[in-house]
Amino acid sequence: MKATRAAGNARAKTGTLRSVRALSGYVRSIDGERFVFSMIANNFQAPTSAVDTVVDQAVAQLASFTRKR
């Protein structure tokens, strides 16, 4: 999550098993709103690095979220 709004902002715990990746924690949005998240990928066929990238991008999106238009 380096070079994203999630860097130094997200607080999370990983979990791994064979063909299982998990990340749960919280992150603050641009507006300071706190989001709690939990993502689990189970029995996936993609490379582990691809799964990790998608999860990291999702957390970065939460950190970049704003309700203001």
PDB file of N, CA and C in Angstrom:
ATOM      1  N   MET A   1       0.820  -1.195   0.000  1.00  0.00           N
ATOM      2  CA  MET A   1       0.000   0.000   0.000  1.00  0.00           C
ATOM      3  C   MET A   1       0.861   1.257   0.000  1.00  0.00           C
ATOM      4  N   LYS A   2       2.129   1.085  -0.271  1.00  0.00           N
ATOM      5  CA  LYS A   2       3.040   2.226  -0.343  1.00  0.00           C
ATOM      6  C   LYS A   2       2.565   3.189  -1.426  1.00  0.00           C
ATOM      7  N   ALA A   3       2.818   4.465  -1.181  1.00  0.00           N
ATOM      8  CA  ALA A   3       2.474   5.529  -2.126  1.00  0.00           C
ATOM      9  C   ALA A   3       0.964   5.638  -2.366  1.00  0.00           C
ATOM     10  N   THR A   4       0.150   5.209  -1.398  1.00  0.00           N
ATOM     11  CA  THR A   4      -1.301   5.391  -1.455  1.00  0.00           C
ATOM     12  C   THR A   4      -1.731   6.055  -0.152  1.00  0.00           C
ATOM     13  N   ARG A   5      -2.976   6.485  -0.081  1.00  0.00           N
ATOM     14  CA  ARG A   5      -3.497   7.082   1.152  1.00  0.00           C
ATOM     15  C   ARG A   5      -3.605   6.069   2.287  1.00  0.00           C
ATOM     16  N   ALA A   6      -3.490   4.802   1.961  1.00  0.00           N
ATOM     17  CA  ALA A   6      -3.548   3.763   2.990  1.00  0.00           C
ATOM     18  C   ALA A   6      -2.214   3.600   3.712  1.00  0.00           C
ATOM     19  N   ALA A   7      -1.126   4.041   3.104  1.00  0.00           N
ATOM     20  CA  ALA A   7       0.200   3.915   3.713  1.00  0.00           C
ATOM     21  C   ALA A   7       0.249   4.706   5.016  1.00  0.00           C
ATOM     22  N   GLY A   8       0.598   4.047   6.098  1.00  0.00           N
ATOM     23  CA  GLY A   8       0.660   4.700   7.392  1.00  0.00           C
ATOM     24  C   GLY A   8      -0.702   5.010   7.988  1.00  0.00           C
ATOM     25  N   ASN A   9      -1.754   4.596   7.326  1.00  0.00           N
ATOM     26  CA  ASN A   9      -3.121   4.895   7.738  1.00  0.00           C
ATOM     27  C   ASN A   9      -3.855   3.604   8.109  1.00  0.00           C
ATOM     28  N   ALA A  10      -3.749   2.603   7.279  1.00  0.00           N
ATOM     29  CA  ALA A  10      -4.448   1.337   7.520  1.00  0.00           C
ATOM     30  C   ALA A  10      -3.776   0.579   8.661  1.00  0.00           C
ATOM     31  N   ARG A  11      -4.589   0.021   9.515  1.00  0.00           N
ATOM     32  CA  ARG A  11      -4.123  -0.861  10.588  1.00  0.00           C
ATOM     33  C   ARG A  11      -4.817  -2.191  10.358  1.00  0.00           C
ATOM     34  N   ALA A  12      -4.047  -3.222  10.077  1.00  0.00           N
ATOM     35  CA  ALA A  12      -4.668  -4.482   9.668  1.00  0.00           C
ATOM     36  C   ALA A  12      -3.824  -5.675  10.081  1.00  0.00           C
ATOM     37  N   LYS A  13      -4.469  -6.816  10.094  1.00  0.00           N
ATOM     38  CA  LYS A  13      -3.825  -8.093  10.401  1.00  0.00           C
ATOM     39  C   LYS A  13      -4.067  -9.044   9.246  1.00  0.00           C
ATOM     40  N   THR A  14      -2.991  -9.675   8.797  1.00  0.00           N
ATOM     41  CA  THR A  14      -3.102 -10.663   7.724  1.00  0.00           C
ATOM     42  C   THR A  14      -3.342 -12.047   8.299  1.00  0.00           C
ATOM     43  N   GLY A  15      -3.836 -12.917   7.448  1.00  0.00           N
ATOM     44  CA  GLY A  15      -3.982 -14.330   7.774  1.00  0.00           C
ATOM     45  C   GLY A  15      -3.748 -15.126   6.508  1.00  0.00           C
ATOM     46  N   THR A  16      -2.980 -16.169   6.603  1.00  0.00           N
ATOM     47  CA  THR A  16      -2.679 -16.969   5.415  1.00  0.00           C
ATOM     48  C   THR A  16      -2.705 -18.453   5.737  1.00  0.00           C
ATOM     49  N   LEU A  17      -3.194 -19.194   4.784  1.00  0.00           N
ATOM     50  CA  LEU A  17      -3.148 -20.649   4.741  1.00  0.00           C
ATOM     51  C   LEU A  17      -2.972 -21.004   3.271  1.00  0.00           C
ATOM     52  N   ARG A  18      -2.838 -22.243   2.986  1.00  0.00           N
ATOM     53  CA  ARG A  18      -2.730 -22.658   1.598  1.00  0.00           C
ATOM     54  C   ARG A  18      -4.009 -22.299   0.848  1.00  0.00           C
ATOM     55  N   SER A  19      -3.885 -21.512  -0.204  1.00  0.00           N
ATOM     56  CA  SER A  19      -5.008 -21.027  -1.027  1.00  0.00           C
ATOM     57  C   SER A  19      -6.020 -20.194  -0.250  1.00  0.00           C
ATOM     58  N   VAL A  20      -5.574 -19.572   0.828  1.00  0.00           N
ATOM     59  CA  VAL A  20      -6.436 -18.667   1.600  1.00  0.00           C
ATOM     60  C   VAL A  20      -5.605 -17.453   1.997  1.00  0.00           C
ATOM     61  N   ARG A  21      -6.163 -16.264   1.744  1.00  0.00           N
ATOM     62  CA  ARG A  21      -5.540 -15.014   2.167  1.00  0.00           C
ATOM     63  C   ARG A  21      -6.618 -14.187   2.837  1.00  0.00           C
ATOM     64  N   ALA A  22      -6.266 -13.513   3.919  1.00  0.00           N
ATOM     65  CA  ALA A  22      -7.235 -12.672   4.621  1.00  0.00           C
ATOM     66  C   ALA A  22      -6.550 -11.397   5.103  1.00  0.00           C
ATOM     67  N   LEU A  23      -7.319 -10.323   5.137  1.00  0.00           N
ATOM     68  CA  LEU A  23      -6.851  -9.063   5.690  1.00  0.00           C
ATOM     69  C   LEU A  23      -8.041  -8.398   6.365  1.00  0.00           C
ATOM     70  N   SER A  24      -7.892  -8.087   7.633  1.00  0.00           N
ATOM     71  CA  SER A  24      -8.951  -7.419   8.398  1.00  0.00           C
ATOM     72  C   SER A  24      -8.337  -6.265   9.170  1.00  0.00           C
ATOM     73  N   GLY A  25      -9.094  -5.179   9.263  1.00  0.00           N
ATOM     74  CA  GLY A  25      -8.586  -4.046  10.013  1.00  0.00           C
ATOM     75  C   GLY A  25      -9.434  -2.819   9.828  1.00  0.00           C
ATOM     76  N   TYR A  26      -8.795  -1.658   9.955  1.00  0.00           N
ATOM     77  CA  TYR A  26      -9.519  -0.415   9.764  1.00  0.00           C
ATOM     78  C   TYR A  26      -8.616   0.601   9.086  1.00  0.00           C
ATOM     79  N   VAL A  27      -9.257   1.588   8.468  1.00  0.00           N
ATOM     80  CA  VAL A  27      -8.563   2.652   7.750  1.00  0.00           C
ATOM     81  C   VAL A  27      -9.431   3.900   7.805  1.00  0.00           C
ATOM     82  N   ARG A  28      -8.812   5.053   7.778  1.00  0.00           N
ATOM     83  CA  ARG A  28      -9.560   6.312   7.755  1.00  0.00           C
ATOM     84  C   ARG A  28      -9.604   6.862   6.334  1.00  0.00           C
ATOM     85  N   SER A  29     -10.771   7.395   5.972  1.00  0.00           N
ATOM     86  CA  SER A  29     -10.958   7.994   4.647  1.00  0.00           C
ATOM     87  C   SER A  29     -10.321   9.381   4.611  1.00  0.00           C
ATOM     88  N   ILE A  30     -10.375  10.008   3.463  1.00  0.00           N
ATOM     89  CA  ILE A  30      -9.871  11.376   3.311  1.00  0.00           C
ATOM     90  C   ILE A  30     -10.549  12.313   4.313  1.00  0.00           C
ATOM     91  N   ASP A  31     -11.833  12.083   4.554  1.00  0.00           N
ATOM     92  CA  ASP A  31     -12.621  12.926   5.451  1.00  0.00           C
ATOM     93  C   ASP A  31     -12.458  12.561   6.923  1.00  0.00           C
ATOM     94  N   GLY A  32     -11.643  11.545   7.213  1.00  0.00           N
ATOM     95  CA  GLY A  32     -11.434  11.126   8.595  1.00  0.00           C
ATOM     96  C   GLY A  32     -12.423  10.085   9.082  1.00  0.00           C
ATOM     97  N   GLU A  33     -13.287   9.630   8.199  1.00  0.00           N
ATOM     98  CA  GLU A  33     -14.262   8.601   8.569  1.00  0.00           C
ATOM     99  C   GLU A  33     -13.551   7.258   8.714  1.00  0.00           C
ATOM    100  N   ARG A  34     -13.848   6.534   9.778  1.00  0.00           N
ATOM    101  CA  ARG A  34     -13.206   5.245  10.013  1.00  0.00           C
ATOM    102  C   ARG A  34     -14.014   4.132   9.358  1.00  0.00           C
ATOM    103  N   PHE A  35     -13.324   3.298   8.586  1.00  0.00           N
ATOM    104  CA  PHE A  35     -13.926   2.120   7.971  1.00  0.00           C
ATOM    105  C   PHE A  35     -13.295   0.869   8.555  1.00  0.00           C
ATOM    106  N   VAL A  36     -14.135  -0.102   8.842  1.00  0.00           N
ATOM    107  CA  VAL A  36     -13.677  -1.421   9.276  1.00  0.00           C
ATOM    108  C   VAL A  36     -13.875  -2.354   8.097  1.00  0.00           C
ATOM    109  N   PHE A  37     -12.882  -3.183   7.809  1.00  0.00           N
ATOM    110  CA  PHE A  37     -12.979  -4.084   6.664  1.00  0.00           C
ATOM    111  C   PHE A  37     -12.465  -5.472   7.023  1.00  0.00           C
ATOM    112  N   SER A  38     -12.943  -6.433   6.270  1.00  0.00           N
ATOM    113  CA  SER A  38     -12.459  -7.805   6.364  1.00  0.00           C
ATOM    114  C   SER A  38     -12.620  -8.442   4.994  1.00  0.00           C
ATOM    115  N   MET A  39     -11.519  -8.869   4.428  1.00  0.00           N
ATOM    116  CA  MET A  39     -11.526  -9.478   3.097  1.00  0.00           C
ATOM    117  C   MET A  39     -10.891 -10.858   3.183  1.00  0.00           C
ATOM    118  N   ILE A  40     -11.539 -11.817   2.569  1.00  0.00           N
ATOM    119  CA  ILE A  40     -11.034 -13.188   2.560  1.00  0.00           C
ATOM    120  C   ILE A  40     -11.106 -13.727   1.139  1.00  0.00           C
ATOM    121  N   ALA A  41     -10.007 -14.260   0.667  1.00  0.00           N
ATOM    122  CA  ALA A  41      -9.954 -14.957  -0.626  1.00  0.00           C
ATOM    123  C   ALA A  41      -9.687 -16.424  -0.307  1.00  0.00           C
ATOM    124  N   ASN A  42     -10.552 -17.283  -0.801  1.00  0.00           N
ATOM    125  CA  ASN A  42     -10.469 -18.700  -0.452  1.00  0.00           C
ATOM    126  C   ASN A  42     -10.488 -19.553  -1.712  1.00  0.00           C
ATOM    127  N   ASN A  43      -9.619 -20.545  -1.751  1.00  0.00           N
ATOM    128  CA  ASN A  43      -9.577 -21.512  -2.848  1.00  0.00           C
ATOM    129  C   ASN A  43      -9.412 -20.828  -4.208  1.00  0.00           C
ATOM    130  N   PHE A  44      -8.531 -19.837  -4.262  1.00  0.00           N
ATOM    131  CA  PHE A  44      -8.334 -19.080  -5.495  1.00  0.00           C
ATOM    132  C   PHE A  44      -7.363 -19.789  -6.428  1.00  0.00           C
ATOM    133  N   GLN A  45      -7.496 -19.499  -7.709  1.00  0.00           N
ATOM    134  CA  GLN A  45      -6.644 -20.089  -8.734  1.00  0.00           C
ATOM    135  C   GLN A  45      -5.563 -19.118  -9.219  1.00  0.00           C
ATOM    136  N   ALA A  46      -5.734 -17.841  -8.942  1.00  0.00           N
ATOM    137  CA  ALA A  46      -4.773 -16.808  -9.361  1.00  0.00           C
ATOM    138  C   ALA A  46      -3.520 -16.890  -8.493  1.00  0.00           C
ATOM    139  N   PRO A  47      -2.427 -16.306  -8.967  1.00  0.00           N
ATOM    140  CA  PRO A  47      -1.226 -16.250  -8.131  1.00  0.00           C
ATOM    141  C   PRO A  47      -1.486 -15.468  -6.846  1.00  0.00           C
ATOM    142  N   THR A  48      -0.859 -15.857  -5.767  1.00  0.00           N
ATOM    143  CA  THR A  48      -1.035 -15.193  -4.482  1.00  0.00           C
ATOM    144  C   THR A  48      -0.741 -13.700  -4.589  1.00  0.00           C
ATOM    145  N   SER A  49       0.265 -13.339  -5.355  1.00  0.00           N
ATOM    146  CA  SER A  49       0.620 -11.922  -5.504  1.00  0.00           C
ATOM    147  C   SER A  49      -0.525 -11.128  -6.128  1.00  0.00           C
ATOM    148  N   ALA A  50      -1.271 -11.732  -7.043  1.00  0.00           N
ATOM    149  CA  ALA A  50      -2.416 -11.061  -7.666  1.00  0.00           C
ATOM    150  C   ALA A  50      -3.525 -10.839  -6.643  1.00  0.00           C
ATOM    151  N   VAL A  51      -3.768 -11.820  -5.810  1.00  0.00           N
ATOM    152  CA  VAL A  51      -4.788 -11.696  -4.756  1.00  0.00           C
ATOM    153  C   VAL A  51      -4.391 -10.589  -3.783  1.00  0.00           C
ATOM    154  N   ASP A  52      -3.137 -10.577  -3.364  1.00  0.00           N
ATOM    155  CA  ASP A  52      -2.649  -9.544  -2.444  1.00  0.00           C
ATOM    156  C   ASP A  52      -2.791  -8.154  -3.059  1.00  0.00           C
ATOM    157  N   THR A  53      -2.510  -8.026  -4.337  1.00  0.00           N
ATOM    158  CA  THR A  53      -2.615  -6.738  -5.024  1.00  0.00           C
ATOM    159  C   THR A  53      -4.053  -6.229  -5.009  1.00  0.00           C
ATOM    160  N   VAL A  54      -5.007  -7.088  -5.307  1.00  0.00           N
ATOM    161  CA  VAL A  54      -6.422  -6.688  -5.316  1.00  0.00           C
ATOM    162  C   VAL A  54      -6.870  -6.261  -3.921  1.00  0.00           C
ATOM    163  N   VAL A  55      -6.491  -6.993  -2.914  1.00  0.00           N
ATOM    164  CA  VAL A  55      -6.856  -6.650  -1.536  1.00  0.00           C
ATOM    165  C   VAL A  55      -6.237  -5.300  -1.153  1.00  0.00           C
ATOM    166  N   ASP A  56      -4.972  -5.106  -1.474  1.00  0.00           N
ATOM    167  CA  ASP A  56      -4.307  -3.836  -1.170  1.00  0.00           C
ATOM    168  C   ASP A  56      -4.986  -2.672  -1.889  1.00  0.00           C
ATOM    169  N   GLN A  57      -5.378  -2.882  -3.135  1.00  0.00           N
ATOM    170  CA  GLN A  57      -6.066  -1.835  -3.895  1.00  0.00           C
ATOM    171  C   GLN A  57      -7.409  -1.491  -3.272  1.00  0.00           C
ATOM    172  N   ALA A  58      -8.108  -2.482  -2.762  1.00  0.00           N
ATOM    173  CA  ALA A  58      -9.402  -2.231  -2.117  1.00  0.00           C
ATOM    174  C   ALA A  58      -9.230  -1.366  -0.870  1.00  0.00           C
ATOM    175  N   VAL A  59      -8.214  -1.645  -0.072  1.00  0.00           N
ATOM    176  CA  VAL A  59      -7.957  -0.840   1.129  1.00  0.00           C
ATOM    177  C   VAL A  59      -7.550   0.581   0.724  1.00  0.00           C
ATOM    178  N   ALA A  60      -6.746   0.703  -0.303  1.00  0.00           N
ATOM    179  CA  ALA A  60      -6.353   2.029  -0.802  1.00  0.00           C
ATOM    180  C   ALA A  60      -7.577   2.812  -1.275  1.00  0.00           C
ATOM    181  N   GLN A  61      -8.525   2.138  -1.899  1.00  0.00           N
ATOM    182  CA  GLN A  61      -9.767   2.803  -2.341  1.00  0.00           C
ATOM    183  C   GLN A  61     -10.557   3.313  -1.142  1.00  0.00           C
ATOM    184  N   LEU A  62     -10.633   2.521  -0.084  1.00  0.00           N
ATOM    185  CA  LEU A  62     -11.331   2.975   1.121  1.00  0.00           C
ATOM    186  C   LEU A  62     -10.649   4.210   1.695  1.00  0.00           C
ATOM    187  N   ALA A  63      -9.335   4.222   1.713  1.00  0.00           N
ATOM    188  CA  ALA A  63      -8.587   5.360   2.240  1.00  0.00           C
ATOM    189  C   ALA A  63      -8.785   6.612   1.385  1.00  0.00           C
ATOM    190  N   SER A  64      -9.082   6.442   0.125  1.00  0.00           N
ATOM    191  CA  SER A  64      -9.276   7.561  -0.808  1.00  0.00           C
ATOM    192  C   SER A  64     -10.735   8.000  -0.904  1.00  0.00           C
ATOM    193  N   PHE A  65     -11.628   7.329  -0.217  1.00  0.00           N
ATOM    194  CA  PHE A  65     -13.061   7.599  -0.305  1.00  0.00           C
ATOM    195  C   PHE A  65     -13.410   8.951   0.333  1.00  0.00           C
ATOM    196  N   THR A  66     -14.363   9.641  -0.278  1.00  0.00           N
ATOM    197  CA  THR A  66     -14.935  10.853   0.307  1.00  0.00           C
ATOM    198  C   THR A  66     -16.429  10.900  -0.003  1.00  0.00           C
ATOM    199  N   ARG A  67     -17.195  11.397   0.929  1.00  0.00           N
ATOM    200  CA  ARG A  67     -18.635  11.576   0.697  1.00  0.00           C
ATOM    201  C   ARG A  67     -18.921  12.941   0.103  1.00  0.00           C
ATOM    202  N   LYS A  68     -17.922  13.828   0.131  1.00  0.00           N
ATOM    203  CA  LYS A  68     -18.088  15.171  -0.415  1.00  0.00           C
ATOM    204  C   LYS A  68     -17.960  15.122  -1.920  1.00  0.00           C
ATOM    205  N   ARG A  69     -18.737  15.930  -2.608  1.00  0.00           N
ATOM    206  CA  ARG A  69     -18.680  15.946  -4.073  1.00  0.00           C
ATOM    207  C   ARG A  69     -18.132  17.239  -4.573  1.00  0.00           C
TER     208      ARG A  69
END
